[in-house]
């Protein structure tokens, strides 16, 4: 009988990445992710892939941001830059030691580092959008993530593995079914132009003309379960209050409110963390939206303070300020991509070209 790590590795390599003999794969994780890392490595080399590994240790980023000479902050990591330019596959296994490591860092040094990484990130977005490089992001349960989610480690392991459908007899078949069901939704969305999200916390209208809605079926993120696009940059109008805490770089901002005119966020507020929000909105590109999406994974029904899971919660929508995805046709550029989530399960609907296609947390098409 296969272990859950063996099933996870098989899903990542054969369903998410569809890795082939002779392809190159770079894996980024921490020592906490070793059980899954070893199994992915074993199965990948057995398939004839060429594998390299980047391991992060506790405090690595904090040390860099606090003690590196300023000129060092301006230089992107050479090996990762090379990998983003040349490798065929990129797998990130999130397995954190400390989810507050980035909190309290000098914002000017953080911004300087983000600027240095912009070229690397641009290459990443271009190559993943074109399909030249396949990527997948997943989570391996650690004590830090479990505590952040308010769960025991055993509870969090079950949550993660259930969300990834690893406890089903055939996880790949389960995700192929998700792909088929969501494609029906995406086909309708791609035939419409004007969308309205309306509910107790939101009244937003946007255009997705000539943009592409994508079926996020678990290939790029594991788990997944969402449909998303990039709105036309100057065609977003209205108001939204995000009912879930918005978390970015270890900072938690509550009750984020945004007022939007002609695509630009003209005013904002928050009951907690507004000073952090103020700083983020000084970064180029953050006062426009890079993504609008609907979460469709109904196996995820609780917030974990982990965006990989939270943005997929069935019955929610999310909007991201900042960088858009090129594969959607989006044009907004920024060093920031920050997803913010609100509930749509009560007295809420989505209209597409005037027709109600989603009501109280579920598509009705």
Protein backbone atom coordinates (compact mmCIF):
# COMPACT_ATOMS: atom_id res chain seq x y z
CA UNK A 1 0.00 0.00 0.00
CA UNK A 2 1.37 3.40 -0.98
CA UNK A 3 2.21 5.98 1.67
CA UNK A 4 0.57 9.40 1.43
CA UNK A 5 3.96 10.88 0.43
CA UNK A 6 4.22 8.38 -2.43
CA UNK A 7 0.71 9.27 -3.62
CA UNK A 8 1.50 13.00 -3.25
CA UNK A 9 4.73 12.70 -5.25
CA UNK A 10 2.99 10.71 -7.96
CA UNK A 11 0.24 13.35 -8.23
CA UNK A 12 2.74 16.23 -8.39
CA UNK A 13 4.99 14.65 -11.00
CA UNK A 14 2.47 12.90 -13.24
CA UNK A 15 -0.68 15.04 -12.97
CA UNK A 16 0.56 18.53 -12.04
CA UNK A 17 3.86 18.70 -13.93
CA UNK A 18 3.49 15.77 -16.35
CA UNK A 19 7.26 15.46 -16.15
CA UNK A 20 9.08 13.62 -18.94
CA UNK A 21 12.37 11.80 -19.28
CA UNK A 22 15.24 14.20 -19.91
CA UNK A 23 13.46 17.25 -18.50
CA UNK A 24 15.00 19.39 -15.78
CA UNK A 25 13.29 20.01 -12.45
CA UNK A 26 14.19 22.44 -9.67
CA UNK A 27 12.58 21.86 -6.27
CA UNK A 28 12.46 24.55 -3.58
CA UNK A 29 11.57 23.55 -0.01
CA UNK A 30 12.86 23.44 3.58
CA UNK A 31 14.30 20.66 5.73
CA UNK A 32 10.78 20.25 7.13
CA UNK A 33 9.62 19.11 3.70
CA UNK A 34 12.10 16.22 3.51
CA UNK A 35 9.59 13.31 3.62
CA UNK A 36 7.86 14.58 0.48
CA UNK A 37 11.07 15.92 -1.09
CA UNK A 38 12.78 12.52 -0.92
CA UNK A 39 9.84 10.78 -2.56
CA UNK A 40 9.51 13.40 -5.31
CA UNK A 41 13.25 13.20 -5.93
CA UNK A 42 13.20 9.39 -6.09
CA UNK A 43 10.27 9.21 -8.49
CA UNK A 44 11.63 12.03 -10.67
CA UNK A 45 15.07 10.50 -11.16
CA UNK A 46 13.44 7.11 -11.82
CA UNK A 47 11.59 8.81 -14.68
CA UNK A 48 14.88 10.10 -16.08
CA UNK A 49 14.50 13.73 -14.99
CA UNK A 50 17.48 15.88 -14.00
CA UNK A 51 16.73 17.27 -10.53
CA UNK A 52 18.27 20.08 -8.48
CA UNK A 53 17.13 21.14 -5.00
CA UNK A 54 17.11 24.48 -3.17
CA UNK A 55 16.81 24.07 0.62
CA UNK A 56 15.84 26.93 2.91
CA UNK A 57 16.82 26.87 6.57
CA UNK A 58 15.23 28.68 9.55
CA UNK A 59 15.92 32.42 9.52
CA UNK A 60 17.53 32.52 6.07
CA UNK A 61 15.42 35.35 4.68
CA UNK A 62 15.51 37.30 7.95
CA UNK A 63 19.33 37.09 8.06
CA UNK A 64 19.60 38.29 4.47
CA UNK A 65 17.25 41.22 5.02
CA UNK A 66 18.88 42.32 8.28
CA UNK A 67 22.59 41.81 7.63
CA UNK A 68 23.28 41.85 3.88
CA UNK A 69 25.17 44.83 2.50
CA UNK A 70 22.85 47.06 0.53
CA UNK A 71 24.55 46.21 -2.76
CA UNK A 72 23.91 42.52 -2.04
CA UNK A 73 20.19 43.23 -1.79
CA UNK A 74 20.30 44.54 -5.36
CA UNK A 75 21.58 41.22 -6.78
CA UNK A 76 19.03 38.45 -7.47
CA UNK A 77 20.10 34.90 -6.46
CA UNK A 78 22.24 33.65 -9.38
CA UNK A 79 21.22 29.99 -9.36
CA UNK A 80 17.49 30.71 -9.05
CA UNK A 81 17.82 33.25 -11.86
CA UNK A 82 19.45 30.58 -14.01
CA UNK A 83 16.73 28.08 -13.13
CA UNK A 84 13.95 30.51 -14.01
CA UNK A 85 15.62 31.08 -17.37
CA UNK A 86 16.48 27.48 -18.30
CA UNK A 87 14.71 24.77 -16.29
CA UNK A 88 11.71 22.88 -17.67
CA UNK A 89 9.88 22.42 -14.36
CA UNK A 90 9.65 24.27 -11.05
CA UNK A 91 8.15 22.71 -7.92
CA UNK A 92 7.72 24.62 -4.67
CA UNK A 93 6.98 22.48 -1.60
CA UNK A 94 5.95 24.91 1.12
CA UNK A 95 7.03 23.55 4.50
CA UNK A 96 7.59 26.59 6.73
CA UNK A 97 9.40 26.82 10.06
CA UNK A 98 8.14 30.28 10.97
CA UNK A 99 5.33 32.14 9.26
CA UNK A 100 6.21 35.41 10.97
CA UNK A 101 9.80 35.52 9.74
CA UNK A 102 9.17 38.45 7.41
CA UNK A 103 7.27 40.50 10.00
CA UNK A 104 9.03 43.56 11.41
CA UNK A 105 11.63 43.81 8.65
CA UNK A 106 12.76 47.22 7.37
CA UNK A 107 10.21 48.01 4.62
CA UNK A 108 12.76 50.00 2.60
CA UNK A 109 15.14 47.02 2.48
CA UNK A 110 12.26 44.69 1.65
CA UNK A 111 11.21 46.94 -1.21
CA UNK A 112 14.80 47.12 -2.44
CA UNK A 113 14.98 43.32 -2.49
CA UNK A 114 11.65 43.09 -4.30
CA UNK A 115 12.96 45.44 -6.97
CA UNK A 116 16.07 43.27 -7.39
CA UNK A 117 13.86 40.22 -7.89
CA UNK A 118 11.66 41.89 -10.51
CA UNK A 119 13.65 40.62 -13.52
CA UNK A 120 13.65 37.07 -12.19
CA UNK A 121 9.92 37.27 -11.50
CA UNK A 122 9.23 38.69 -14.95
CA UNK A 123 11.05 35.76 -16.53
CA UNK A 124 9.09 33.36 -14.35
CA UNK A 125 5.74 34.87 -15.35
CA UNK A 126 6.62 34.90 -19.05
CA UNK A 127 7.87 31.31 -19.17
CA UNK A 128 5.00 29.87 -17.12
CA UNK A 129 2.44 31.82 -19.18
CA UNK A 130 3.85 30.48 -22.45
CA UNK A 131 4.11 26.92 -21.09
CA UNK A 132 7.86 26.92 -21.61
CA UNK A 133 8.25 26.16 -17.91
CA UNK A 134 5.72 24.11 -15.95
CA UNK A 135 5.28 24.98 -12.29
CA UNK A 136 3.46 23.63 -9.30
CA UNK A 137 3.07 24.90 -5.74
CA UNK A 138 2.05 22.61 -2.90
CA UNK A 139 2.10 22.36 0.89
CA UNK A 140 3.69 19.79 3.17
CA UNK A 141 2.18 20.02 6.68
CA UNK A 142 4.42 21.45 9.40
CA UNK A 143 3.85 22.45 13.01
CA UNK A 144 4.13 26.15 12.10
CA UNK A 145 1.37 25.93 9.49
CA UNK A 146 -0.81 23.82 11.77
CA UNK A 147 -0.52 26.32 14.62
CA UNK A 148 -1.23 29.20 12.26
CA UNK A 149 -4.39 27.41 11.12
CA UNK A 150 -5.44 26.76 14.72
CA UNK A 151 -5.11 22.98 14.33
CA UNK A 152 -3.01 20.17 15.72
CA UNK A 153 -0.44 18.76 13.30
CA UNK A 154 -2.53 15.60 12.81
CA UNK A 155 -5.62 17.70 12.07
CA UNK A 156 -3.72 19.86 9.61
CA UNK A 157 -2.22 16.84 7.85
CA UNK A 158 -5.72 15.45 7.34
CA UNK A 159 -6.95 18.84 6.14
CA UNK A 160 -4.13 19.19 3.58
CA UNK A 161 -4.37 15.64 2.29
CA UNK A 162 -8.16 15.79 2.03
CA UNK A 163 -7.97 19.12 0.15
CA UNK A 164 -5.51 17.49 -2.28
CA UNK A 165 -7.77 14.41 -2.56
CA UNK A 166 -4.86 12.18 -1.52
CA UNK A 167 -7.13 10.08 0.69
CA UNK A 168 -9.17 9.03 -2.34
CA UNK A 169 -8.37 5.75 -4.07
CA UNK A 170 -7.27 7.54 -7.26
CA UNK A 171 -6.30 11.21 -6.68
CA UNK A 172 -5.53 11.80 -10.35
CA UNK A 173 -9.00 10.61 -11.40
CA UNK A 174 -10.54 12.89 -8.77
CA UNK A 175 -8.70 15.93 -10.17
CA UNK A 176 -9.58 15.01 -13.74
CA UNK A 177 -13.23 15.14 -12.65
CA UNK A 178 -12.63 18.62 -11.16
CA UNK A 179 -11.07 19.68 -14.47
CA UNK A 180 -14.10 18.47 -16.43
CA UNK A 181 -16.66 20.14 -14.15
CA UNK A 182 -14.84 23.47 -14.01
CA UNK A 183 -14.28 23.55 -17.76
CA UNK A 184 -18.05 23.81 -18.24
CA UNK A 185 -18.02 26.94 -16.06
CA UNK A 186 -14.98 28.44 -17.79
CA UNK A 187 -16.55 27.92 -21.23
CA UNK A 188 -19.53 30.06 -20.17
CA UNK A 189 -17.36 32.73 -18.52
CA UNK A 190 -15.21 33.05 -21.63
CA UNK A 191 -18.34 33.77 -23.70
CA UNK A 192 -19.23 36.84 -21.57
CA UNK A 193 -17.71 40.30 -21.11
CA UNK A 194 -19.21 42.27 -18.21
CA UNK A 195 -19.34 40.77 -14.71
CA UNK A 196 -20.84 41.94 -11.44
CA UNK A 197 -20.05 40.58 -7.98
CA UNK A 198 -22.85 41.61 -5.61
CA UNK A 199 -23.41 40.76 -1.94
CA UNK A 200 -23.41 42.19 1.59
CA UNK A 201 -19.68 43.00 1.34
CA UNK A 202 -19.30 43.72 -2.34
CA UNK A 203 -20.68 45.61 -5.31
CA UNK A 204 -18.00 45.39 -7.99
CA UNK A 205 -18.41 45.47 -11.75
CA UNK A 206 -15.60 44.72 -14.20
CA UNK A 207 -14.93 43.93 -17.83
CA UNK A 208 -13.10 40.79 -18.93
CA UNK A 209 -13.37 41.57 -22.63
CA UNK A 210 -10.60 39.84 -24.58
CA UNK A 211 -9.32 38.30 -21.35
CA UNK A 212 -9.13 34.56 -20.63
CA UNK A 213 -10.82 32.78 -17.74
CA UNK A 214 -8.64 29.85 -16.65
CA UNK A 215 -9.67 26.52 -15.18
CA UNK A 216 -7.39 26.12 -12.14
CA UNK A 217 -7.65 22.35 -11.85
CA UNK A 218 -4.71 21.49 -9.60
CA UNK A 219 -1.93 21.50 -12.17
CA UNK A 220 -0.32 24.80 -11.17
CA UNK A 221 -1.37 24.72 -7.50
CA UNK A 222 -2.06 21.63 -5.43
CA UNK A 223 -4.69 21.82 -4.12
CA UNK A 224 -6.69 24.06 -6.39
CA UNK A 225 -10.31 24.63 -7.23
CA UNK A 226 -10.94 28.07 -8.68
CA UNK A 227 -11.64 29.88 -11.93
CA UNK A 228 -9.85 33.17 -12.52
CA UNK A 229 -9.04 35.92 -14.97
CA UNK A 230 -7.47 39.37 -15.15
CA UNK A 231 -9.95 42.26 -15.37
CA UNK A 232 -9.45 44.99 -17.96
CA UNK A 233 -7.22 47.35 -15.99
CA UNK A 234 -9.32 50.52 -16.25
CA UNK A 235 -12.72 48.77 -16.23
CA UNK A 236 -13.23 47.92 -12.56
CA UNK A 237 -15.67 50.00 -10.52
CA UNK A 238 -17.36 49.76 -7.14
CA UNK A 239 -16.74 48.84 -3.53
CA UNK A 240 -15.58 45.72 -1.69
CA UNK A 241 -15.01 44.78 1.93
CA UNK A 242 -13.02 41.58 2.34
CA UNK A 243 -14.60 39.48 5.09
CA UNK A 244 -11.53 37.26 5.55
CA UNK A 245 -8.28 38.65 6.99
CA UNK A 246 -5.85 39.61 4.22
CA UNK A 247 -2.36 38.21 4.86
CA UNK A 248 0.81 39.21 3.02
CA UNK A 249 4.49 38.90 3.95
CA UNK A 250 3.53 37.72 7.44
CA UNK A 251 1.33 40.77 8.08
CA UNK A 252 -2.39 40.34 8.80
CA UNK A 253 -4.82 43.10 7.79
CA UNK A 254 -8.47 42.87 8.80
CA UNK A 255 -11.67 44.25 7.25
CA UNK A 256 -9.93 45.67 4.18
CA UNK A 257 -12.25 48.06 2.34
CA UNK A 258 -11.49 49.30 -1.17
CA UNK A 259 -13.23 51.91 -3.29
CA UNK A 260 -12.50 51.62 -7.02
CA UNK A 261 -13.05 54.00 -9.95
CA UNK A 262 -12.02 53.26 -13.52
CA UNK A 263 -9.81 50.45 -12.31
CA UNK A 264 -7.90 52.49 -9.75
CA UNK A 265 -8.21 52.04 -6.00
CA UNK A 266 -8.92 55.60 -4.89
CA UNK A 267 -9.55 54.99 -1.18
CA UNK A 268 -8.95 52.21 1.33
CA UNK A 269 -9.47 51.37 4.97
CA UNK A 270 -8.91 48.53 7.43
CA UNK A 271 -9.82 47.90 11.07
CA UNK A 272 -6.35 46.44 11.69
CA UNK A 273 -3.08 46.88 9.78
CA UNK A 274 -3.98 50.00 7.80
CA UNK A 275 -0.40 51.29 8.13
CA UNK A 276 0.85 48.19 6.32
CA UNK A 277 -1.84 48.64 3.66
CA UNK A 278 -0.69 52.27 3.24
CA UNK A 279 2.87 51.09 2.59
CA UNK A 280 1.79 48.45 0.07
CA UNK A 281 -0.24 50.98 -1.92
CA UNK A 282 2.92 53.05 -2.44
CA UNK A 283 4.44 50.21 -4.48
CA UNK A 284 3.94 50.63 -8.24
CA UNK A 285 1.04 48.69 -9.72
CA UNK A 286 -0.70 47.86 -6.43
CA UNK A 287 -3.63 50.22 -6.85
CA UNK A 288 -5.01 48.18 -9.74
CA UNK A 289 -6.27 44.60 -9.80
CA UNK A 290 -4.33 41.77 -11.40
CA UNK A 291 -6.86 39.02 -10.78
CA UNK A 292 -10.53 38.31 -10.11
CA UNK A 293 -11.56 34.77 -9.19
CA UNK A 294 -14.13 32.41 -7.72
CA UNK A 295 -13.19 29.66 -5.24
CA UNK A 296 -14.75 26.27 -6.01
CA UNK A 297 -13.08 23.74 -3.68
CA UNK A 298 -15.92 22.81 -1.33
CA UNK A 299 -13.63 20.40 0.54
CA UNK A 300 -12.04 23.56 1.97
CA UNK A 301 -14.52 25.26 4.28
CA UNK A 302 -12.35 26.92 6.92
CA UNK A 303 -9.71 29.61 6.89
CA UNK A 304 -6.16 28.45 7.60
CA UNK A 305 -4.39 31.80 7.06
CA UNK A 306 -2.66 30.08 4.15
CA UNK A 307 -3.56 31.58 0.77
CA UNK A 308 -2.86 28.34 -1.09
CA UNK A 309 -5.99 26.95 0.59
CA UNK A 310 -7.99 30.02 1.60
CA UNK A 311 -8.42 31.47 -1.90
CA UNK A 312 -9.94 28.15 -3.01
CA UNK A 313 -12.66 28.06 -0.32
CA UNK A 314 -15.90 27.03 -2.00
CA UNK A 315 -18.40 29.88 -1.78
CA UNK A 316 -15.91 32.76 -1.86
CA UNK A 317 -14.48 35.15 -4.40
CA UNK A 318 -11.07 36.77 -4.28
CA UNK A 319 -9.44 39.72 -5.95
CA UNK A 320 -5.71 40.34 -6.14
CA UNK A 321 -4.07 43.73 -6.17
CA UNK A 322 -0.92 44.06 -8.24
CA UNK A 323 0.64 41.71 -10.76
CA UNK A 324 -1.64 40.03 -13.27
CA UNK A 325 -1.01 36.70 -14.97
CA UNK A 326 0.01 36.93 -18.59
CA UNK A 327 -1.91 33.77 -19.47
CA UNK A 328 -5.13 35.65 -18.66
CA UNK A 329 -4.11 38.49 -20.97
CA UNK A 330 -3.55 40.83 -18.02
CA UNK A 331 -1.25 43.83 -18.39
CA UNK A 332 -0.84 45.16 -14.85
CA UNK A 333 2.71 44.88 -13.53
CA UNK A 334 3.86 44.97 -9.92
CA UNK A 335 6.23 43.26 -7.50
CA UNK A 336 3.11 42.48 -5.42
CA UNK A 337 0.34 39.96 -6.00
CA UNK A 338 -1.90 39.98 -2.91
CA UNK A 339 -5.12 37.94 -2.89
CA UNK A 340 -7.99 39.18 -0.73
CA UNK A 341 -11.09 37.07 -0.03
CA UNK A 342 -14.74 37.68 0.76
CA UNK A 343 -17.67 35.37 1.45
CA UNK A 344 -20.44 34.95 -1.14
CA UNK A 345 -22.65 32.32 0.52
CA UNK A 346 -25.43 34.63 1.75
CA UNK A 347 -27.60 37.04 -0.26
CA UNK A 348 -24.94 37.14 -3.00
CA UNK A 349 -24.78 36.61 -6.74
CA UNK A 350 -22.59 36.98 -9.80
CA UNK A 351 -24.00 38.30 -13.06
CA UNK A 352 -22.41 37.82 -16.47
CA UNK A 353 -23.72 40.16 -19.17
CA UNK A 354 -26.76 40.71 -16.97
CA UNK A 355 -27.56 37.01 -16.35
CA UNK A 356 -27.27 35.53 -12.84
CA UNK A 357 -24.82 32.61 -13.16
CA UNK A 358 -23.87 32.17 -9.48
CA UNK A 359 -25.99 32.43 -6.37
CA UNK A 360 -25.17 32.13 -2.66
CA UNK A 361 -21.81 30.43 -3.11
CA UNK A 362 -22.41 28.19 -6.11
CA UNK A 363 -22.53 28.41 -9.90
CA UNK A 364 -25.99 27.71 -11.34
CA UNK A 365 -24.90 27.11 -14.94
